[in-house]
PDB file of N, CA and C in Angstrom:
ATOM      1  N   MET A   1     239.139  74.434 137.451  1.00  0.00           N
ATOM      2  CA  MET A   1     240.148  75.435 136.783  1.00  0.00           C
ATOM      3  C   MET A   1     241.189  75.248 138.062  1.00  0.00           C
ATOM      4  N   THR A   2     241.302  75.885 138.689  1.00  0.00           N
ATOM      5  CA  THR A   2     243.285  75.938 139.739  1.00  0.00           C
ATOM      6  C   THR A   2     243.760  75.229 139.366  1.00  0.00           C
ATOM      7  N   GLU A   3     243.553  74.009 139.315  1.00  0.00           N
ATOM      8  CA  GLU A   3     244.061  72.633 138.889  1.00  0.00           C
ATOM      9  C   GLU A   3     245.289  73.231 137.829  1.00  0.00           C
ATOM     10  N   TYR A   4     245.203  73.999 137.086  1.00  0.00           N
ATOM     11  CA  TYR A   4     245.372  74.875 135.985  1.00  0.00           C
ATOM     12  C   TYR A   4     245.888  76.001 135.939  1.00  0.00           C
ATOM     13  N   ASN A   5     245.907  76.753 136.422  1.00  0.00           N
ATOM     14  CA  ASN A   5     245.877  78.311 137.290  1.00  0.00           C
ATOM     15  C   ASN A   5     247.843  77.784 137.465  1.00  0.00           C
ATOM     16  N   THR A   6     248.728  77.202 137.749  1.00  0.00           N
ATOM     17  CA  THR A   6     250.457  76.660 138.265  1.00  0.00           C
ATOM     18  C   THR A   6     250.685  76.321 136.193  1.00  0.00           C
ATOM     19  N   ALA A   7     250.000  75.979 135.663  1.00  0.00           N
ATOM     20  CA  ALA A   7     250.684  76.075 134.159  1.00  0.00           C
ATOM     21  C   ALA A   7     250.539  77.719 134.321  1.00  0.00           C
ATOM     22  N   PHE A   8     249.271  77.307 133.467  1.00  0.00           N
ATOM     23  CA  PHE A   8     248.781  78.703 132.615  1.00  0.00           C
ATOM     24  C   PHE A   8     249.672  79.785 133.255  1.00  0.00           C
ATOM     25  N   ASN A   9     250.035  80.085 134.777  1.00  0.00           N
ATOM     26  CA  ASN A   9     251.021  81.224 135.329  1.00  0.00           C
ATOM     27  C   ASN A   9     252.706  81.187 134.666  1.00  0.00           C
ATOM     28  N   GLU A  10     252.798  79.918 134.163  1.00  0.00           N
ATOM     29  CA  GLU A  10     254.304  79.575 133.894  1.00  0.00           C
ATOM     30  C   GLU A  10     254.594  79.688 132.491  1.00  0.00           C
ATOM     31  N   VAL A  11     253.482  79.533 131.644  1.00  0.00           N
ATOM     32  CA  VAL A  11     253.869  79.691 130.347  1.00  0.00           C
ATOM     33  C   VAL A  11     252.754  81.249 130.107  1.00  0.00           C
ATOM     34  N   ASP A  12     252.119  81.836 130.492  1.00  0.00           N
ATOM     35  CA  ASP A  12     252.418  83.478 131.097  1.00  0.00           C
ATOM     36  C   ASP A  12     253.119  84.062 131.261  1.00  0.00           C
ATOM     37  N   LEU A  13     254.444  83.668 131.785  1.00  0.00           N
ATOM     38  CA  LEU A  13     255.827  84.775 132.332  1.00  0.00           C
ATOM     39  C   LEU A  13     256.882  83.732 131.791  1.00  0.00           C
ATOM     40  N   LEU A  14     256.627  83.253 131.103  1.00  0.00           N
ATOM     41  CA  LEU A  14     257.772  82.452 130.245  1.00  0.00           C
ATOM     42  C   LEU A  14     257.388  83.139 128.856  1.00  0.00           C
ATOM     43  N   MET A  15     256.092  83.100 128.191  1.00  0.00           N
ATOM     44  CA  MET A  15     255.508  83.605 127.486  1.00  0.00           C
ATOM     45  C   MET A  15     256.346  85.174 126.799  1.00  0.00           C
ATOM     46  N   ASN A  16     255.887  85.853 128.157  1.00  0.00           N
ATOM     47  CA  ASN A  16     255.720  87.427 128.178  1.00  0.00           C
ATOM     48  C   ASN A  16     256.811  87.781 128.012  1.00  0.00           C
ATOM     49  N   GLU A  17     258.325  86.452 129.092  1.00  0.00           N
ATOM     50  CA  GLU A  17     259.586  86.990 128.473  1.00  0.00           C
ATOM     51  C   GLU A  17     260.670  87.026 127.801  1.00  0.00           C
ATOM     52  N   MET A  18     260.201  86.267 127.002  1.00  0.00           N
ATOM     53  CA  MET A  18     260.130  85.827 125.587  1.00  0.00           C
ATOM     54  C   MET A  18     259.776  86.464 124.427  1.00  0.00           C
ATOM     55  N   LEU A  19     258.494  87.997 124.600  1.00  0.00           N
ATOM     56  CA  LEU A  19     258.390  88.564 123.673  1.00  0.00           C
ATOM     57  C   LEU A  19     258.883  90.127 124.045  1.00  0.00           C
ATOM     58  N   GLU A  20     259.490  90.591 125.435  1.00  0.00           N
ATOM     59  CA  GLU A  20     259.977  91.440 126.193  1.00  0.00           C
ATOM     60  C   GLU A  20     261.661  91.435 125.778  1.00  0.00           C
ATOM     61  N   LYS A  21     261.745  89.917 125.748  1.00  0.00           N
ATOM     62  CA  LYS A  21     263.254  89.812 125.156  1.00  0.00           C
ATOM     63  C   LYS A  21     263.622  90.006 123.424  1.00  0.00           C
ATOM     64  N   LEU A  22     262.696  89.234 123.203  1.00  0.00           N
ATOM     65  CA  LEU A  22     262.624  89.608 121.347  1.00  0.00           C
ATOM     66  C   LEU A  22     261.803  90.834 121.002  1.00  0.00           C
ATOM     67  N   ASN A  23     261.694  91.951 122.458  1.00  0.00           N
ATOM     68  CA  ASN A  23     261.095  93.273 121.878  1.00  0.00           C
ATOM     69  C   ASN A  23     259.532  93.285 120.862  1.00  0.00           C
ATOM     70  N   ILE A  24     259.007  92.372 121.146  1.00  0.00           N
ATOM     71  CA  ILE A  24     257.704  91.975 120.116  1.00  0.00           C
ATOM     72  C   ILE A  24     256.942  91.782 120.651  1.00  0.00           C
ATOM     73  N   SER A  25     255.456  91.918 120.373  1.00  0.00           N
ATOM     74  CA  SER A  25     254.120  92.045 120.823  1.00  0.00           C
ATOM     75  C   SER A  25     253.221  90.055 120.655  1.00  0.00           C
ATOM     76  N   LEU A  26     252.605  89.993 120.761  1.00  0.00           N
ATOM     77  CA  LEU A  26     252.009  88.623 120.004  1.00  0.00           C
ATOM     78  C   LEU A  26     251.608  88.750 119.222  1.00  0.00           C
ATOM     79  N   ASN A  27     251.138  89.622 118.736  1.00  0.00           N
ATOM     80  CA  ASN A  27     250.008  89.342 117.599  1.00  0.00           C
ATOM     81  C   ASN A  27     251.031  89.220 116.304  1.00  0.00           C
ATOM     82  N   GLU A  28     252.662  89.629 116.662  1.00  0.00           N
ATOM     83  CA  GLU A  28     253.682  90.221 115.823  1.00  0.00           C
ATOM     84  C   GLU A  28     255.069  88.004 115.919  1.00  0.00           C
ATOM     85  N   THR A  29     254.824  87.312 116.694  1.00  0.00           N
ATOM     86  CA  THR A  29     255.030  86.004 116.825  1.00  0.00           C
ATOM     87  C   THR A  29     254.300  85.750 115.577  1.00  0.00           C
ATOM     88  N   ASN A  30     253.581  85.974 114.521  1.00  0.00           N
ATOM     89  CA  ASN A  30     253.289  84.934 113.285  1.00  0.00           C
ATOM     90  C   ASN A  30     254.460  85.351 112.543  1.00  0.00           C
ATOM     91  N   LEU A  31     255.570  86.849 112.816  1.00  0.00           N
ATOM     92  CA  LEU A  31     256.151  87.083 111.935  1.00  0.00           C
ATOM     93  C   LEU A  31     257.623  86.424 111.681  1.00  0.00           C
ATOM     94  N   TYR A  32     257.712  85.607 112.717  1.00  0.00           N
ATOM     95  CA  TYR A  32     258.776  85.146 113.171  1.00  0.00           C
ATOM     96  C   TYR A  32     258.943  83.186 113.524  1.00  0.00           C
ATOM     97  N   PRO A  33     260.280  82.691 113.277  1.00  0.00           N
ATOM     98  CA  PRO A  33     259.377  81.247 113.585  1.00  0.00           C
ATOM     99  C   PRO A  33     259.298  80.415 114.969  1.00  0.00           C
ATOM    100  N   THR A  34     258.268  80.173 114.769  1.00  0.00           N
ATOM    101  CA  THR A  34     257.012  80.306 116.377  1.00  0.00           C
ATOM    102  C   THR A  34     257.426  78.985 117.119  1.00  0.00           C
ATOM    103  N   ASP A  35     257.426  77.924 115.884  1.00  0.00           N
ATOM    104  CA  ASP A  35     258.039  76.252 116.195  1.00  0.00           C
ATOM    105  C   ASP A  35     259.534  76.495 117.374  1.00  0.00           C
ATOM    106  N   ASP A  36     260.678  77.437 116.735  1.00  0.00           N
ATOM    107  CA  ASP A  36     261.505  77.725 117.608  1.00  0.00           C
ATOM    108  C   ASP A  36     261.198  78.605 119.175  1.00  0.00           C
ATOM    109  N   MET A  37     260.035  79.224 119.040  1.00  0.00           N
ATOM    110  CA  MET A  37     259.425  79.860 120.481  1.00  0.00           C
ATOM    111  C   MET A  37     259.188  78.629 121.625  1.00  0.00           C
ATOM    112  N   PHE A  38     258.628  78.223 120.982  1.00  0.00           N
ATOM    113  CA  PHE A  38     257.753  76.831 121.121  1.00  0.00           C
ATOM    114  C   PHE A  38     258.965  76.620 121.959  1.00  0.00           C
ATOM    115  N   ARG A  39     259.624  75.200 121.241  1.00  0.00           N
ATOM    116  CA  ARG A  39     260.555  75.065 121.597  1.00  0.00           C
ATOM    117  C   ARG A  39     261.351  75.543 122.908  1.00  0.00           C
ATOM    118  N   ILE A  40     261.866  76.821 122.317  1.00  0.00           N
ATOM    119  CA  ILE A  40     262.152  77.703 124.232  1.00  0.00           C
ATOM    120  C   ILE A  40     261.392  77.111 124.968  1.00  0.00           C
ATOM    121  N   ILE A  41     259.755  77.291 125.048  1.00  0.00           N
ATOM    122  CA  ILE A  41     259.107  77.935 126.127  1.00  0.00           C
ATOM    123  C   ILE A  41     259.210  76.445 127.111  1.00  0.00           C
ATOM    124  N   VAL A  42     259.359  75.156 125.433  1.00  0.00           N
ATOM    125  CA  VAL A  42     258.435  73.595 126.412  1.00  0.00           C
ATOM    126  C   VAL A  42     259.659  73.301 127.068  1.00  0.00           C
ATOM    127  N   GLN A  43     260.966  73.931 125.970  1.00  0.00           N
ATOM    128  CA  GLN A  43     261.659  73.050 127.465  1.00  0.00           C
ATOM    129  C   GLN A  43     261.832  73.698 128.585  1.00  0.00           C
ATOM    130  N   GLU A  44     261.940  75.057 129.018  1.00  0.00           N
ATOM    131  CA  GLU A  44     261.377  75.544 130.290  1.00  0.00           C
ATOM    132  C   GLU A  44     260.793  75.334 131.257  1.00  0.00           C
ATOM    133  N   ILE A  45     259.932  74.824 130.633  1.00  0.00           N
ATOM    134  CA  ILE A  45     258.662  74.190 131.832  1.00  0.00           C
ATOM    135  C   ILE A  45     258.753  73.044 132.554  1.00  0.00           C
ATOM    136  N   ASP A  46     258.016  73.583 133.825  1.00  0.00           N
ATOM    137  CA  ASP A  46     258.426  71.815 134.794  1.00  0.00           C
ATOM    138  C   ASP A  46     257.404  70.873 133.928  1.00  0.00           C
ATOM    139  N   VAL A  47     257.998  70.320 134.885  1.00  0.00           N
ATOM    140  CA  VAL A  47     257.272  68.396 133.936  1.00  0.00           C
ATOM    141  C   VAL A  47     256.101  68.182 134.415  1.00  0.00           C
ATOM    142  N   GLU A  48     256.096  68.876 136.105  1.00  0.00           N
ATOM    143  CA  GLU A  48     254.121  68.329 135.906  1.00  0.00           C
ATOM    144  C   GLU A  48     253.222  70.124 135.158  1.00  0.00           C
ATOM    145  N   ASN A  49     253.590  70.910 134.399  1.00  0.00           N
ATOM    146  CA  ASN A  49     252.652  71.450 134.398  1.00  0.00           C
ATOM    147  C   ASN A  49     252.871  71.619 132.835  1.00  0.00           C
ATOM    148  N   LEU A  50     253.875  70.510 132.327  1.00  0.00           N
ATOM    149  CA  LEU A  50     253.688  69.857 130.991  1.00  0.00           C
ATOM    150  C   LEU A  50     253.341  69.322 130.837  1.00  0.00           C
ATOM    151  N   LYS A  51     252.956  68.049 131.645  1.00  0.00           N
ATOM    152  CA  LYS A  51     252.028  67.228 131.669  1.00  0.00           C
ATOM    153  C   LYS A  51     250.005  67.684 132.015  1.00  0.00           C
ATOM    154  N   ILE A  52     250.173  68.968 133.002  1.00  0.00           N
ATOM    155  CA  ILE A  52     248.887  69.481 132.655  1.00  0.00           C
ATOM    156  C   ILE A  52     248.691  69.640 131.449  1.00  0.00           C
ATOM    157  N   LEU A  53     249.447  70.663 130.652  1.00  0.00           N
ATOM    158  CA  LEU A  53     248.964  70.862 129.465  1.00  0.00           C
ATOM    159  C   LEU A  53     248.742  70.372 128.388  1.00  0.00           C
ATOM    160  N   SER A  54     249.767  68.880 128.354  1.00  0.00           N
ATOM    161  CA  SER A  54     249.236  68.043 127.264  1.00  0.00           C
ATOM    162  C   SER A  54     247.841  67.730 127.646  1.00  0.00           C
ATOM    163  N   PHE A  55     247.427  67.102 128.999  1.00  0.00           N
ATOM    164  CA  PHE A  55     245.973  66.922 129.183  1.00  0.00           C
ATOM    165  C   PHE A  55     245.078  67.750 128.764  1.00  0.00           C
ATOM    166  N   ILE A  56     245.137  69.458 128.967  1.00  0.00           N
ATOM    167  CA  ILE A  56     244.416  69.829 128.511  1.00  0.00           C
ATOM    168  C   ILE A  56     244.415  70.295 127.384  1.00  0.00           C
ATOM    169  N   TYR A  57     245.441  70.361 126.775  1.00  0.00           N
ATOM    170  CA  TYR A  57     245.519  70.297 124.830  1.00  0.00           C
ATOM    171  C   TYR A  57     244.379  68.405 124.029  1.00  0.00           C
ATOM    172  N   ASN A  58     244.348  67.736 124.761  1.00  0.00           N
ATOM    173  CA  ASN A  58     243.982  66.589 124.624  1.00  0.00           C
ATOM    174  C   ASN A  58     242.334  65.864 124.858  1.00  0.00           C
ATOM    175  N   GLU A  59     241.999  66.799 126.047  1.00  0.00           N
ATOM    176  CA  GLU A  59     241.175  66.471 126.573  1.00  0.00           C
ATOM    177  C   GLU A  59     240.119  68.063 127.388  1.00  0.00           C
ATOM    178  N   GLY A  60     241.016  68.990 127.092  1.00  0.00           N
ATOM    179  CA  GLY A  60     240.186  70.363 127.564  1.00  0.00           C
ATOM    180  C   GLY A  60     238.989  70.614 127.344  1.00  0.00           C
ATOM    181  N   SER A  61     238.226  70.949 128.466  1.00  0.00           N
ATOM    182  CA  SER A  61     236.763  70.970 128.625  1.00  0.00           C
ATOM    183  C   SER A  61     236.509  72.695 127.854  1.00  0.00           C
ATOM    184  N   GLN A  62     235.745  72.666 127.403  1.00  0.00           N
ATOM    185  CA  GLN A  62     235.425  74.162 126.876  1.00  0.00           C
ATOM    186  C   GLN A  62     235.599  75.386 128.168  1.00  0.00           C
ATOM    187  N   GLU A  63     235.162  75.365 129.198  1.00  0.00           N
ATOM    188  CA  GLU A  63     235.451  76.610 130.232  1.00  0.00           C
ATOM    189  C   GLU A  63     237.145  76.457 130.989  1.00  0.00           C
ATOM    190  N   VAL A  64     237.746  75.758 130.174  1.00  0.00           N
ATOM    191  CA  VAL A  64     238.838  75.905 130.417  1.00  0.00           C
ATOM    192  C   VAL A  64     239.730  76.258 129.709  1.00  0.00           C
ATOM    193  N   ILE A  65     239.076  76.272 128.007  1.00  0.00           N
ATOM    194  CA  ILE A  65     239.553  76.517 127.150  1.00  0.00           C
ATOM    195  C   ILE A  65     238.827  78.586 126.482  1.00  0.00           C
ATOM    196  N   ASP A  66     237.454  78.721 127.321  1.00  0.00           N
ATOM    197  CA  ASP A  66     237.257  79.970 127.815  1.00  0.00           C
ATOM    198  C   ASP A  66     237.994  80.790 128.773  1.00  0.00           C
ATOM    199  N   ASN A  67     238.717  80.304 129.671  1.00  0.00           N
ATOM    200  CA  ASN A  67     239.292  81.260 131.026  1.00  0.00           C
ATOM    201  C   ASN A  67     240.463  81.012 130.946  1.00  0.00           C
ATOM    202  N   MET A  68     240.908  80.983 128.989  1.00  0.00           N
ATOM    203  CA  MET A  68     242.613  81.131 128.397  1.00  0.00           C
ATOM    204  C   MET A  68     242.930  82.201 128.577  1.00  0.00           C
ATOM    205  N   THR A  69     243.641  82.560 128.938  1.00  0.00           N
ATOM    206  CA  THR A  69     244.515  83.988 128.397  1.00  0.00           C
ATOM    207  C   THR A  69     244.781  84.334 126.714  1.00  0.00           C
ATOM    208  N   SER A  70     244.927  85.593 126.291  1.00  0.00           N
ATOM    209  CA  SER A  70     245.430  85.104 124.362  1.00  0.00           C
ATOM    210  C   SER A  70     246.457  84.736 124.667  1.00  0.00           C
ATOM    211  N   VAL A  71     247.650  85.181 125.834  1.00  0.00           N
ATOM    212  CA  VAL A  71     249.268  84.230 125.766  1.00  0.00           C
ATOM    213  C   VAL A  71     248.554  83.064 125.508  1.00  0.00           C
ATOM    214  N   ILE A  72     247.990  82.287 126.828  1.00  0.00           N
ATOM    215  CA  ILE A  72     247.948  80.820 126.992  1.00  0.00           C
ATOM    216  C   ILE A  72     247.258  80.458 125.336  1.00  0.00           C
ATOM    217  N   LYS A  73     246.319  81.108 124.401  1.00  0.00           N
ATOM    218  CA  LYS A  73     245.546  80.642 123.759  1.00  0.00           C
ATOM    219  C   LYS A  73     246.457  80.755 122.141  1.00  0.00           C
ATOM    220  N   GLU A  74     247.134  81.435 122.233  1.00  0.00           N
ATOM    221  CA  GLU A  74     248.566  81.277 121.123  1.00  0.00           C
ATOM    222  C   GLU A  74     249.178  80.275 121.739  1.00  0.00           C
ATOM    223  N   PHE A  75     249.681  79.990 122.889  1.00  0.00           N
ATOM    224  CA  PHE A  75     250.451  79.060 122.630  1.00  0.00           C
ATOM    225  C   PHE A  75     249.728  77.597 122.878  1.00  0.00           C
ATOM    226  N   MET A  76     248.829  77.273 122.863  1.00  0.00           N
ATOM    227  CA  MET A  76     248.109  76.219 122.757  1.00  0.00           C
ATOM    228  C   MET A  76     248.075  75.694 121.304  1.00  0.00           C
ATOM    229  N   TYR A  77     247.849  76.940 120.370  1.00  0.00           N
ATOM    230  CA  TYR A  77     247.791  77.192 118.624  1.00  0.00           C
ATOM    231  C   TYR A  77     249.323  77.088 118.839  1.00  0.00           C
ATOM    232  N   TRP A  78     250.512  77.060 118.934  1.00  0.00           N
ATOM    233  CA  TRP A  78     251.678  76.243 118.888  1.00  0.00           C
ATOM    234  C   TRP A  78     252.010  74.429 118.791  1.00  0.00           C
ATOM    235  N   TRP A  79     251.036  74.744 120.107  1.00  0.00           N
ATOM    236  CA  TRP A  79     251.244  73.192 121.002  1.00  0.00           C
ATOM    237  C   TRP A  79     250.235  72.770 119.105  1.00  0.00           C
ATOM    238  N   GLY A  80     249.748  72.743 118.655  1.00  0.00           N
ATOM    239  CA  GLY A  80     248.583  72.205 117.676  1.00  0.00           C
ATOM    240  C   GLY A  80     249.708  71.940 116.692  1.00  0.00           C
ATOM    241  N   ASP A  81     250.878  73.097 115.784  1.00  0.00           N
ATOM    242  CA  ASP A  81     251.170  73.289 115.512  1.00  0.00           C
ATOM    243  C   ASP A  81     252.694  72.511 115.460  1.00  0.00           C
ATOM    244  N   ASN A  82     252.925  71.792 116.445  1.00  0.00           N
ATOM    245  CA  ASN A  82     253.803  71.106 117.006  1.00  0.00           C
ATOM    246  C   ASN A  82     253.427  69.930 116.432  1.00  0.00           C
ATOM    247  N   LEU A  83     252.086  69.147 117.203  1.00  0.00           N
ATOM    248  CA  LEU A  83     251.906  68.548 116.851  1.00  0.00           C
ATOM    249  C   LEU A  83     251.820  67.488 115.299  1.00  0.00           C
ATOM    250  N   ASP A  84     250.814  68.797 114.724  1.00  0.00           N
ATOM    251  CA  ASP A  84     250.852  68.950 113.130  1.00  0.00           C
ATOM    252  C   ASP A  84     252.254  68.860 112.514  1.00  0.00           C
ATOM    253  N   TYR A  85     253.289  69.132 112.798  1.00  0.00           N
ATOM    254  CA  TYR A  85     254.453  68.790 112.078  1.00  0.00           C
ATOM    255  C   TYR A  85     255.430  68.207 112.800  1.00  0.00           C
ATOM    256  N   GLY A  86     255.046  67.640 114.142  1.00  0.00           N
ATOM    257  CA  GLY A  86     255.821  66.789 114.968  1.00  0.00           C
ATOM    258  C   GLY A  86     257.492  67.832 114.889  1.00  0.00           C
ATOM    259  N   THR A  87     257.684  68.814 115.357  1.00  0.00           N
ATOM    260  CA  THR A  87     258.820  69.444 115.969  1.00  0.00           C
ATOM    261  C   THR A  87     259.415  68.761 116.996  1.00  0.00           C
ATOM    262  N   ILE A  88     258.309  68.788 118.596  1.00  0.00           N
ATOM    263  CA  ILE A  88     258.676  67.984 119.208  1.00  0.00           C
ATOM    264  C   ILE A  88     258.025  66.839 119.575  1.00  0.00           C
ATOM    265  N   ASN A  89     258.286  65.941 120.344  1.00  0.00           N
ATOM    266  CA  ASN A  89     257.649  64.884 120.608  1.00  0.00           C
ATOM    267  C   ASN A  89     257.138  65.265 121.787  1.00  0.00           C
ATOM    268  N   ILE A  90     256.218  65.943 123.133  1.00  0.00           N
ATOM    269  CA  ILE A  90     255.445  65.842 123.614  1.00  0.00           C
ATOM    270  C   ILE A  90     256.181  65.145 124.929  1.00  0.00           C
ATOM    271  N   GLN A  91     255.471  63.744 124.760  1.00  0.00           N
ATOM    272  CA  GLN A  91     255.831  62.629 125.314  1.00  0.00           C
ATOM    273  C   GLN A  91     256.782  62.742 125.980  1.00  0.00           C
ATOM    274  N   SER A  92     258.088  62.088 124.952  1.00  0.00           N
ATOM    275  CA  SER A  92     259.415  62.173 124.888  1.00  0.00           C
ATOM    276  C   SER A  92     259.925  63.397 125.487  1.00  0.00           C
ATOM    277  N   LEU A  93     259.539  64.320 126.032  1.00  0.00           N
ATOM    278  CA  LEU A  93     259.754  65.640 126.188  1.00  0.00           C
ATOM    279  C   LEU A  93     259.757  64.909 128.155  1.00  0.00           C
ATOM    280  N   ILE A  94     258.326  65.153 128.200  1.00  0.00           N
ATOM    281  CA  ILE A  94     258.251  65.283 129.586  1.00  0.00           C
ATOM    282  C   ILE A  94     258.894  63.795 130.167  1.00  0.00           C
ATOM    283  N   ALA A  95     258.966  62.240 129.368  1.00  0.00           N
ATOM    284  CA  ALA A  95     259.887  61.452 130.333  1.00  0.00           C
ATOM    285  C   ALA A  95     260.767  61.539 130.241  1.00  0.00           C
ATOM    286  N   LYS A  96     261.727  62.558 129.152  1.00  0.00           N
ATOM    287  CA  LYS A  96     263.051  62.859 129.828  1.00  0.00           C
ATOM    288  C   LYS A  96     263.144  63.818 131.603  1.00  0.00           C
ATOM    289  N   LYS A  97     262.558  64.497 130.955  1.00  0.00           N
ATOM    290  CA  LYS A  97     262.364  65.614 132.141  1.00  0.00           C
ATOM    291  C   LYS A  97     261.766  65.151 133.264  1.00  0.00           C
ATOM    292  N   GLU A  98     261.305  63.570 133.446  1.00  0.00           N
ATOM    293  CA  GLU A  98     261.399  63.256 134.500  1.00  0.00           C
ATOM    294  C   GLU A  98     262.232  62.221 134.832  1.00  0.00           C
ATOM    295  N   GLU A  99     263.015  61.834 133.778  1.00  0.00           N
ATOM    296  CA  GLU A  99     263.947  60.449 134.730  1.00  0.00           C
ATOM    297  C   GLU A  99     265.171  62.067 134.823  1.00  0.00           C
ATOM    298  N   LYS A 100     265.296  62.931 134.492  1.00  0.00           N
ATOM    299  CA  LYS A 100     266.038  63.785 134.850  1.00  0.00           C
ATOM    300  C   LYS A 100     265.671  63.976 136.379  1.00  0.00           C
ATOM    301  N   ILE A 101     264.274  64.322 136.616  1.00  0.00           N
ATOM    302  CA  ILE A 101     264.224  64.690 138.338  1.00  0.00           C
ATOM    303  C   ILE A 101     264.555  63.394 138.966  1.00  0.00           C
ATOM    304  N   ILE A 102     263.992  61.926 138.544  1.00  0.00           N
ATOM    305  CA  ILE A 102     264.945  60.737 139.435  1.00  0.00           C
ATOM    306  C   ILE A 102     265.596  60.701 139.052  1.00  0.00           C
ATOM    307  N   SER A 103     265.938  60.532 138.078  1.00  0.00           N
ATOM    308  CA  SER A 103     268.165  60.736 138.388  1.00  0.00           C
ATOM    309  C   SER A 103     268.591  61.395 139.696  1.00  0.00           C
ATOM    310  N   SER A 104     268.208  62.437 139.762  1.00  0.00           N
ATOM    311  CA  SER A 104     269.075  63.362 140.924  1.00  0.00           C
ATOM    312  C   SER A 104     268.555  63.233 142.544  1.00  0.00           C
ATOM    313  N   ILE A 105     267.291  62.477 141.936  1.00  0.00           N
ATOM    314  CA  ILE A 105     266.669  61.884 143.558  1.00  0.00           C
ATOM    315  C   ILE A 105     267.522  60.569 144.323  1.00  0.00           C
ATOM    316  N   ILE A 106     267.247  59.934 143.120  1.00  0.00           N
ATOM    317  CA  ILE A 106     268.313  58.540 143.091  1.00  0.00           C
ATOM    318  C   ILE A 106     269.875  59.117 143.140  1.00  0.00           C
ATOM    319  N   LEU A 107     270.589  59.668 143.187  1.00  0.00           N
ATOM    320  CA  LEU A 107     272.351  59.996 142.941  1.00  0.00           C
ATOM    321  C   LEU A 107     272.618  60.731 144.460  1.00  0.00           C
ATOM    322  N   GLU A 108     270.915  61.729 145.297  1.00  0.00           N
ATOM    323  CA  GLU A 108     271.064  62.583 146.311  1.00  0.00           C
ATOM    324  C   GLU A 108     271.024  61.438 147.264  1.00  0.00           C
ATOM    325  N   ASN A 109     270.424  60.528 147.348  1.00  0.00           N
ATOM    326  CA  ASN A 109     270.024  59.471 148.139  1.00  0.00           C
ATOM    327  C   ASN A 109     271.265  58.821 148.062  1.00  0.00           C
ATOM    328  N   SER A 110     271.824  58.168 147.114  1.00  0.00           N
ATOM    329  CA  SER A 110     272.985  57.250 146.737  1.00  0.00           C
ATOM    330  C   SER A 110     274.217  58.233 147.942  1.00  0.00           C
ATOM    331  N   ASP A 111     274.286  59.735 147.688  1.00  0.00           N
ATOM    332  CA  ASP A 111     275.187  60.169 148.719  1.00  0.00           C
ATOM    333  C   ASP A 111     274.754  60.580 149.932  1.00  0.00           C
ATOM    334  N   LYS A 112     273.486  60.368 150.081  1.00  0.00           N
ATOM    335  CA  LYS A 112     273.477  60.444 150.982  1.00  0.00           C
ATOM    336  C   LYS A 112     274.019  59.389 152.687  1.00  0.00           C
ATOM    337  N   ALA A 113     273.642  57.217 151.588  1.00  0.00           N
ATOM    338  CA  ALA A 113     273.551  56.335 151.948  1.00  0.00           C
ATOM    339  C   ALA A 113     274.926  56.044 151.959  1.00  0.00           C
ATOM    340  N   LYS A 114     276.241  57.482 151.458  1.00  0.00           N
ATOM    341  CA  LYS A 114     277.464  57.313 151.627  1.00  0.00           C
ATOM    342  C   LYS A 114     278.257  57.317 152.658  1.00  0.00           C
ATOM    343  N   ASN A 115     276.879  58.516 152.782  1.00  0.00           N
ATOM    344  CA  ASN A 115     277.329  59.956 154.153  1.00  0.00           C
ATOM    345  C   ASN A 115     277.008  58.667 155.618  1.00  0.00           C
ATOM    346  N   ILE A 116     276.011  57.960 155.531  1.00  0.00           N
ATOM    347  CA  ILE A 116     275.780  57.322 156.727  1.00  0.00           C
ATOM    348  C   ILE A 116     276.875  55.950 157.101  1.00  0.00           C
ATOM    349  N   LYS A 117     276.845  55.858 156.092  1.00  0.00           N
ATOM    350  CA  LYS A 117     278.294  54.348 156.192  1.00  0.00           C
ATOM    351  C   LYS A 117     279.533  54.934 156.619  1.00  0.00           C
ATOM    352  N   ARG A 118     280.372  55.798 156.075  1.00  0.00           N
ATOM    353  CA  ARG A 118     280.805  56.571 157.248  1.00  0.00           C
ATOM    354  C   ARG A 118     280.839  56.263 158.132  1.00  0.00           C
ATOM    355  N   ILE A 119     279.934  57.183 159.114  1.00  0.00           N
ATOM    356  CA  ILE A 119     280.042  57.058 159.832  1.00  0.00           C
ATOM    357  C   ILE A 119     279.469  55.689 161.488  1.00  0.00           C
TER     358      ILE A 119
END
């Protein structure tokens, strides 16, 4: 269960920030386009946490589900809606985020290699 806490904490933080900015409660989110809210949050979530959430959605045990806060449960409900309506391809988003990380590492290492050659 502890391996999920980081992902849950990030979702809690992002959801609460969004609710605060919109000045609404969790119960009022159904009055707004939740697919847009979902899109905003998944764009901000760390790639590793996104993978964990994907795993939980696909393979989650009852113990994990029972320990979710109402905010996390609402987010996971939005996740299901996303899969039903195809708003965002989560696997493509994960791949895109991983590519961005790998590209930055490659770029950073190539800069180091240039500096070594100059010396």
